[in-house]
PDB file of all heavy atoms in Angstrom:
ATOM      1  N   ALA A   1     -13.079 -16.018 -34.657  1.00  0.00           N
ATOM      2  CA  ALA A   1     -13.041 -14.820 -33.765  1.00  0.00           C
ATOM      3  C   ALA A   1     -11.767 -14.049 -34.130  1.00  0.00           C
ATOM      4  O   ALA A   1     -10.682 -14.390 -33.633  1.00  0.00           O
ATOM      5  CB  ALA A   1     -13.028 -15.228 -32.317  1.00  0.00           C
ATOM      6  N   ASP A   2     -11.870 -13.128 -35.079  1.00  0.00           N
ATOM      7  CA  ASP A   2     -10.661 -12.482 -35.563  1.00  0.00           C
ATOM      8  C   ASP A   2     -10.525 -10.993 -35.212  1.00  0.00           C
ATOM      9  O   ASP A   2      -9.584 -10.351 -35.601  1.00  0.00           O
ATOM     10  CB  ASP A   2     -10.546 -12.640 -37.078  1.00  0.00           C
ATOM     11  CG  ASP A   2     -11.626 -11.920 -37.856  1.00  0.00           C
ATOM     12  OD1 ASP A   2     -12.591 -11.425 -37.245  1.00  0.00           O
ATOM     13  OD2 ASP A   2     -11.506 -11.873 -39.087  1.00  0.00           O
ATOM     14  N   ARG A   3     -11.479 -10.474 -34.451  1.00  0.00           N
ATOM     15  CA  ARG A   3     -11.422  -9.074 -34.064  1.00  0.00           C
ATOM     16  C   ARG A   3     -11.874  -8.902 -32.625  1.00  0.00           C
ATOM     17  O   ARG A   3     -12.748  -9.620 -32.152  1.00  0.00           O
ATOM     18  CB  ARG A   3     -12.318  -8.219 -34.956  1.00  0.00           C
ATOM     19  CG  ARG A   3     -11.813  -8.153 -36.366  1.00  0.00           C
ATOM     20  CD  ARG A   3     -12.496  -7.043 -37.138  1.00  0.00           C
ATOM     21  NE  ARG A   3     -11.833  -6.927 -38.414  1.00  0.00           N
ATOM     22  CZ  ARG A   3     -12.465  -7.028 -39.573  1.00  0.00           C
ATOM     23  NH1 ARG A   3     -13.765  -7.203 -39.574  1.00  0.00           N
ATOM     24  NH2 ARG A   3     -11.811  -6.916 -40.694  1.00  0.00           N
ATOM     25  N   THR A   4     -11.320  -7.920 -31.969  1.00  0.00           N
ATOM     26  CA  THR A   4     -11.703  -7.557 -30.618  1.00  0.00           C
ATOM     27  C   THR A   4     -12.066  -6.082 -30.621  1.00  0.00           C
ATOM     28  O   THR A   4     -11.328  -5.267 -31.183  1.00  0.00           O
ATOM     29  CB  THR A   4     -10.556  -7.825 -29.611  1.00  0.00           C
ATOM     30  OG1 THR A   4     -10.235  -9.240 -29.681  1.00  0.00           O
ATOM     31  CG2 THR A   4     -10.978  -7.501 -28.193  1.00  0.00           C
ATOM     32  N   TYR A   5     -13.168  -5.763 -29.973  1.00  0.00           N
ATOM     33  CA  TYR A   5     -13.653  -4.384 -29.942  1.00  0.00           C
ATOM     34  C   TYR A   5     -13.617  -3.902 -28.492  1.00  0.00           C
ATOM     35  O   TYR A   5     -14.006  -4.629 -27.557  1.00  0.00           O
ATOM     36  CB  TYR A   5     -15.101  -4.311 -30.479  1.00  0.00           C
ATOM     37  CG  TYR A   5     -15.205  -4.805 -31.880  1.00  0.00           C
ATOM     38  CD1 TYR A   5     -15.509  -6.142 -32.135  1.00  0.00           C
ATOM     39  CD2 TYR A   5     -15.025  -3.952 -32.958  1.00  0.00           C
ATOM     40  CE1 TYR A   5     -15.599  -6.599 -33.455  1.00  0.00           C
ATOM     41  CE2 TYR A   5     -15.115  -4.412 -34.262  1.00  0.00           C
ATOM     42  CZ  TYR A   5     -15.395  -5.744 -34.486  1.00  0.00           C
ATOM     43  OH  TYR A   5     -15.498  -6.207 -35.781  1.00  0.00           O
ATOM     44  N   GLY A   6     -13.254  -2.652 -28.291  1.00  0.00           N
ATOM     45  CA  GLY A   6     -13.279  -2.048 -26.990  1.00  0.00           C
ATOM     46  C   GLY A   6     -14.474  -1.112 -26.843  1.00  0.00           C
ATOM     47  O   GLY A   6     -14.910  -0.503 -27.809  1.00  0.00           O
ATOM     48  N   MET A   7     -15.030  -1.058 -25.629  1.00  0.00           N
ATOM     49  CA  MET A   7     -16.137  -0.130 -25.406  1.00  0.00           C
ATOM     50  C   MET A   7     -16.158   0.308 -23.929  1.00  0.00           C
ATOM     51  O   MET A   7     -15.679  -0.412 -23.051  1.00  0.00           O
ATOM     52  CB  MET A   7     -17.465  -0.732 -25.802  1.00  0.00           C
ATOM     53  CG  MET A   7     -17.939  -1.908 -24.978  1.00  0.00           C
ATOM     54  SD  MET A   7     -19.485  -2.610 -25.549  1.00  0.00           S
ATOM     55  CE  MET A   7     -18.904  -3.812 -26.724  1.00  0.00           C
ATOM     56  N   THR A   8     -16.695   1.493 -23.734  1.00  0.00           N
ATOM     57  CA  THR A   8     -16.857   2.026 -22.391  1.00  0.00           C
ATOM     58  C   THR A   8     -18.090   1.365 -21.750  1.00  0.00           C
ATOM     59  O   THR A   8     -18.930   0.800 -22.447  1.00  0.00           O
ATOM     60  CB  THR A   8     -17.074   3.534 -22.417  1.00  0.00           C
ATOM     61  OG1 THR A   8     -18.310   3.807 -23.093  1.00  0.00           O
ATOM     62  CG2 THR A   8     -15.922   4.237 -23.124  1.00  0.00           C
ATOM     63  N   PRO A   9     -18.197   1.442 -20.419  1.00  0.00           N
ATOM     64  CA  PRO A   9     -19.390   0.927 -19.766  1.00  0.00           C
ATOM     65  C   PRO A   9     -20.660   1.580 -20.295  1.00  0.00           C
ATOM     66  O   PRO A   9     -21.690   0.890 -20.436  1.00  0.00           O
ATOM     67  CB  PRO A   9     -19.170   1.264 -18.296  1.00  0.00           C
ATOM     68  CG  PRO A   9     -17.692   1.276 -18.144  1.00  0.00           C
ATOM     69  CD  PRO A   9     -17.187   1.864 -19.431  1.00  0.00           C
ATOM     70  N   ALA A  10     -20.629   2.869 -20.635  1.00  0.00           N
ATOM     71  CA  ALA A  10     -21.826   3.531 -21.141  1.00  0.00           C
ATOM     72  C   ALA A  10     -22.235   2.941 -22.496  1.00  0.00           C
ATOM     73  O   ALA A  10     -23.427   2.707 -22.754  1.00  0.00           O
ATOM     74  CB  ALA A  10     -21.565   5.027 -21.300  1.00  0.00           C
ATOM     75  N   VAL A  11     -21.285   2.695 -23.357  1.00  0.00           N
ATOM     76  CA  VAL A  11     -21.586   2.080 -24.651  1.00  0.00           C
ATOM     77  C   VAL A  11     -22.098   0.664 -24.457  1.00  0.00           C
ATOM     78  O   VAL A  11     -23.056   0.232 -25.143  1.00  0.00           O
ATOM     79  CB  VAL A  11     -20.351   2.130 -25.586  1.00  0.00           C
ATOM     80  CG1 VAL A  11     -20.576   1.305 -26.836  1.00  0.00           C
ATOM     81  CG2 VAL A  11     -20.022   3.570 -25.940  1.00  0.00           C
ATOM     82  N   ALA A  12     -21.514  -0.069 -23.552  1.00  0.00           N
ATOM     83  CA  ALA A  12     -21.955  -1.451 -23.266  1.00  0.00           C
ATOM     84  C   ALA A  12     -23.401  -1.459 -22.769  1.00  0.00           C
ATOM     85  O   ALA A  12     -24.219  -2.276 -23.199  1.00  0.00           O
ATOM     86  CB  ALA A  12     -21.035  -2.111 -22.244  1.00  0.00           C
ATOM     87  N   ARG A  13     -23.757  -0.535 -21.884  1.00  0.00           N
ATOM     88  CA  ARG A  13     -25.121  -0.436 -21.400  1.00  0.00           C
ATOM     89  C   ARG A  13     -26.081  -0.089 -22.517  1.00  0.00           C
ATOM     90  O   ARG A  13     -27.156  -0.698 -22.651  1.00  0.00           O
ATOM     91  CB  ARG A  13     -25.249   0.610 -20.279  1.00  0.00           C
ATOM     92  CG  ARG A  13     -24.872   0.101 -18.901  1.00  0.00           C
ATOM     93  CD  ARG A  13     -25.278   1.078 -17.841  1.00  0.00           C
ATOM     94  NE  ARG A  13     -24.687   2.399 -17.992  1.00  0.00           N
ATOM     95  CZ  ARG A  13     -23.449   2.718 -17.635  1.00  0.00           C
ATOM     96  NH1 ARG A  13     -22.689   1.839 -17.050  1.00  0.00           N
ATOM     97  NH2 ARG A  13     -22.988   3.930 -17.824  1.00  0.00           N
ATOM     98  N   GLU A  14     -25.735   0.861 -23.354  1.00  0.00           N
ATOM     99  CA  GLU A  14     -26.579   1.271 -24.465  1.00  0.00           C
ATOM    100  C   GLU A  14     -26.791   0.096 -25.426  1.00  0.00           C
ATOM    101  O   GLU A  14     -27.912  -0.167 -25.892  1.00  0.00           O
ATOM    102  CB  GLU A  14     -26.007   2.479 -25.211  1.00  0.00           C
ATOM    103  CG  GLU A  14     -26.853   2.953 -26.329  1.00  0.00           C
ATOM    104  CD  GLU A  14     -26.243   4.128 -27.076  1.00  0.00           C
ATOM    105  OE1 GLU A  14     -25.205   4.675 -26.665  1.00  0.00           O
ATOM    106  OE2 GLU A  14     -26.833   4.511 -28.099  1.00  0.00           O
ATOM    107  N   LEU A  15     -25.708  -0.582 -25.759  1.00  0.00           N
ATOM    108  CA  LEU A  15     -25.805  -1.745 -26.652  1.00  0.00           C
ATOM    109  C   LEU A  15     -26.721  -2.807 -26.064  1.00  0.00           C
ATOM    110  O   LEU A  15     -27.597  -3.349 -26.724  1.00  0.00           O
ATOM    111  CB  LEU A  15     -24.415  -2.323 -26.919  1.00  0.00           C
ATOM    112  CG  LEU A  15     -24.359  -3.581 -27.766  1.00  0.00           C
ATOM    113  CD1 LEU A  15     -24.945  -3.351 -29.156  1.00  0.00           C
ATOM    114  CD2 LEU A  15     -22.932  -4.085 -27.858  1.00  0.00           C
ATOM    115  N   GLY A  16     -26.540  -3.091 -24.765  1.00  0.00           N
ATOM    116  CA  GLY A  16     -27.375  -4.106 -24.102  1.00  0.00           C
ATOM    117  C   GLY A  16     -28.819  -3.717 -24.112  1.00  0.00           C
ATOM    118  O   GLY A  16     -29.720  -4.536 -24.407  1.00  0.00           O
ATOM    119  N   GLU A  17     -29.143  -2.459 -23.841  1.00  0.00           N
ATOM    120  CA  GLU A  17     -30.521  -1.978 -23.837  1.00  0.00           C
ATOM    121  C   GLU A  17     -31.130  -2.094 -25.241  1.00  0.00           C
ATOM    122  O   GLU A  17     -32.265  -2.535 -25.380  1.00  0.00           O
ATOM    123  CB  GLU A  17     -30.593  -0.540 -23.344  1.00  0.00           C
ATOM    124  CG  GLU A  17     -30.291  -0.434 -21.844  1.00  0.00           C
ATOM    125  CD  GLU A  17     -30.053   1.017 -21.414  1.00  0.00           C
ATOM    126  OE1 GLU A  17     -30.151   1.943 -22.231  1.00  0.00           O
ATOM    127  OE2 GLU A  17     -29.727   1.200 -20.210  1.00  0.00           O
ATOM    128  N   LYS A  18     -30.369  -1.710 -26.262  1.00  0.00           N
ATOM    129  CA  LYS A  18     -30.912  -1.786 -27.620  1.00  0.00           C
ATOM    130  C   LYS A  18     -31.098  -3.214 -28.090  1.00  0.00           C
ATOM    131  O   LYS A  18     -32.063  -3.524 -28.778  1.00  0.00           O
ATOM    132  CB  LYS A  18     -30.000  -1.006 -28.564  1.00  0.00           C
ATOM    133  CG  LYS A  18     -30.137   0.500 -28.354  1.00  0.00           C
ATOM    134  CD  LYS A  18     -29.355   1.289 -29.351  1.00  0.00           C
ATOM    135  CE  LYS A  18     -29.590   2.772 -29.058  1.00  0.00           C
ATOM    136  NZ  LYS A  18     -29.102   3.617 -30.114  1.00  0.00           N
ATOM    137  N   LEU A  19     -30.167  -4.104 -27.711  1.00  0.00           N
ATOM    138  CA  LEU A  19     -30.341  -5.522 -28.086  1.00  0.00           C
ATOM    139  C   LEU A  19     -31.589  -6.109 -27.412  1.00  0.00           C
ATOM    140  O   LEU A  19     -32.347  -6.827 -28.055  1.00  0.00           O
ATOM    141  CB  LEU A  19     -29.088  -6.301 -27.688  1.00  0.00           C
ATOM    142  CG  LEU A  19     -27.850  -6.110 -28.559  1.00  0.00           C
ATOM    143  CD1 LEU A  19     -26.622  -6.764 -27.910  1.00  0.00           C
ATOM    144  CD2 LEU A  19     -28.073  -6.657 -29.931  1.00  0.00           C
ATOM    145  N   LEU A  20     -31.781  -5.815 -26.120  1.00  0.00           N
ATOM    146  CA  LEU A  20     -32.948  -6.325 -25.433  1.00  0.00           C
ATOM    147  C   LEU A  20     -34.240  -5.775 -26.047  1.00  0.00           C
ATOM    148  O   LEU A  20     -35.212  -6.501 -26.225  1.00  0.00           O
ATOM    149  CB  LEU A  20     -32.902  -5.940 -23.944  1.00  0.00           C
ATOM    150  CG  LEU A  20     -31.964  -6.808 -23.102  1.00  0.00           C
ATOM    151  CD1 LEU A  20     -31.861  -6.213 -21.692  1.00  0.00           C
ATOM    152  CD2 LEU A  20     -32.463  -8.221 -23.033  1.00  0.00           C
ATOM    153  N   ALA A  21     -34.252  -4.488 -26.400  1.00  0.00           N
ATOM    154  CA  ALA A  21     -35.444  -3.900 -26.992  1.00  0.00           C
ATOM    155  C   ALA A  21     -35.764  -4.570 -28.328  1.00  0.00           C
ATOM    156  O   ALA A  21     -36.918  -4.887 -28.625  1.00  0.00           O
ATOM    157  CB  ALA A  21     -35.270  -2.398 -27.173  1.00  0.00           C
ATOM    158  N   GLN A  22     -34.754  -4.802 -29.150  1.00  0.00           N
ATOM    159  CA  GLN A  22     -34.976  -5.444 -30.450  1.00  0.00           C
ATOM    160  C   GLN A  22     -35.428  -6.895 -30.281  1.00  0.00           C
ATOM    161  O   GLN A  22     -36.288  -7.361 -30.989  1.00  0.00           O
ATOM    162  CB  GLN A  22     -33.715  -5.366 -31.311  1.00  0.00           C
ATOM    163  CG  GLN A  22     -33.445  -3.967 -31.841  1.00  0.00           C
ATOM    164  CD  GLN A  22     -34.550  -3.468 -32.725  1.00  0.00           C
ATOM    165  OE1 GLN A  22     -34.976  -4.139 -33.648  1.00  0.00           O
ATOM    166  NE2 GLN A  22     -35.031  -2.287 -32.418  1.00  0.00           N
ATOM    167  N   ALA A  23     -34.826  -7.605 -29.299  1.00  0.00           N
ATOM    168  CA  ALA A  23     -35.224  -8.997 -29.048  1.00  0.00           C
ATOM    169  C   ALA A  23     -36.691  -9.054 -28.621  1.00  0.00           C
ATOM    170  O   ALA A  23     -37.447  -9.903 -29.090  1.00  0.00           O
ATOM    171  CB  ALA A  23     -34.325  -9.617 -27.992  1.00  0.00           C
ATOM    172  N   ARG A  24     -37.112  -8.125 -27.747  1.00  0.00           N
ATOM    173  CA  ARG A  24     -38.509  -8.086 -27.299  1.00  0.00           C
ATOM    174  C   ARG A  24     -39.422  -7.796 -28.474  1.00  0.00           C
ATOM    175  O   ARG A  24     -40.521  -8.367 -28.578  1.00  0.00           O
ATOM    176  CB  ARG A  24     -38.667  -7.073 -26.203  1.00  0.00           C
ATOM    177  CG  ARG A  24     -38.052  -7.526 -24.903  1.00  0.00           C
ATOM    178  CD  ARG A  24     -38.276  -6.520 -23.791  1.00  0.00           C
ATOM    179  NE  ARG A  24     -37.610  -6.953 -22.588  1.00  0.00           N
ATOM    180  CZ  ARG A  24     -36.665  -6.265 -21.933  1.00  0.00           C
ATOM    181  NH1 ARG A  24     -36.313  -5.067 -22.358  1.00  0.00           N
ATOM    182  NH2 ARG A  24     -36.105  -6.746 -20.852  1.00  0.00           N
ATOM    183  N   LEU A  25     -39.029  -6.895 -29.355  1.00  0.00           N
ATOM    184  CA  LEU A  25     -39.853  -6.528 -30.499  1.00  0.00           C
ATOM    185  C   LEU A  25     -40.020  -7.744 -31.429  1.00  0.00           C
ATOM    186  O   LEU A  25     -41.110  -8.079 -31.838  1.00  0.00           O
ATOM    187  CB  LEU A  25     -39.214  -5.359 -31.279  1.00  0.00           C
ATOM    188  CG  LEU A  25     -39.924  -4.954 -32.550  1.00  0.00           C
ATOM    189  CD1 LEU A  25     -41.316  -4.405 -32.240  1.00  0.00           C
ATOM    190  CD2 LEU A  25     -39.136  -3.901 -33.274  1.00  0.00           C
ATOM    191  N   ILE A  26     -38.916  -8.446 -31.706  1.00  0.00           N
ATOM    192  CA  ILE A  26     -38.977  -9.631 -32.557  1.00  0.00           C
ATOM    193  C   ILE A  26     -39.867 -10.693 -31.934  1.00  0.00           C
ATOM    194  O   ILE A  26     -40.674 -11.319 -32.596  1.00  0.00           O
ATOM    195  CB  ILE A  26     -37.550 -10.175 -32.805  1.00  0.00           C
ATOM    196  CG1 ILE A  26     -36.785  -9.204 -33.702  1.00  0.00           C
ATOM    197  CG2 ILE A  26     -37.591 -11.577 -33.396  1.00  0.00           C
ATOM    198  CD1 ILE A  26     -35.312  -9.478 -33.778  1.00  0.00           C
TER     199      ILE A  26
END
């Protein structure tokens, strides 16, 4: 674990939604 990334709540929501959509597709 060598990097830390910052994100806004909006980016976190978008990332979560896209990850869930891709997981459902797979």
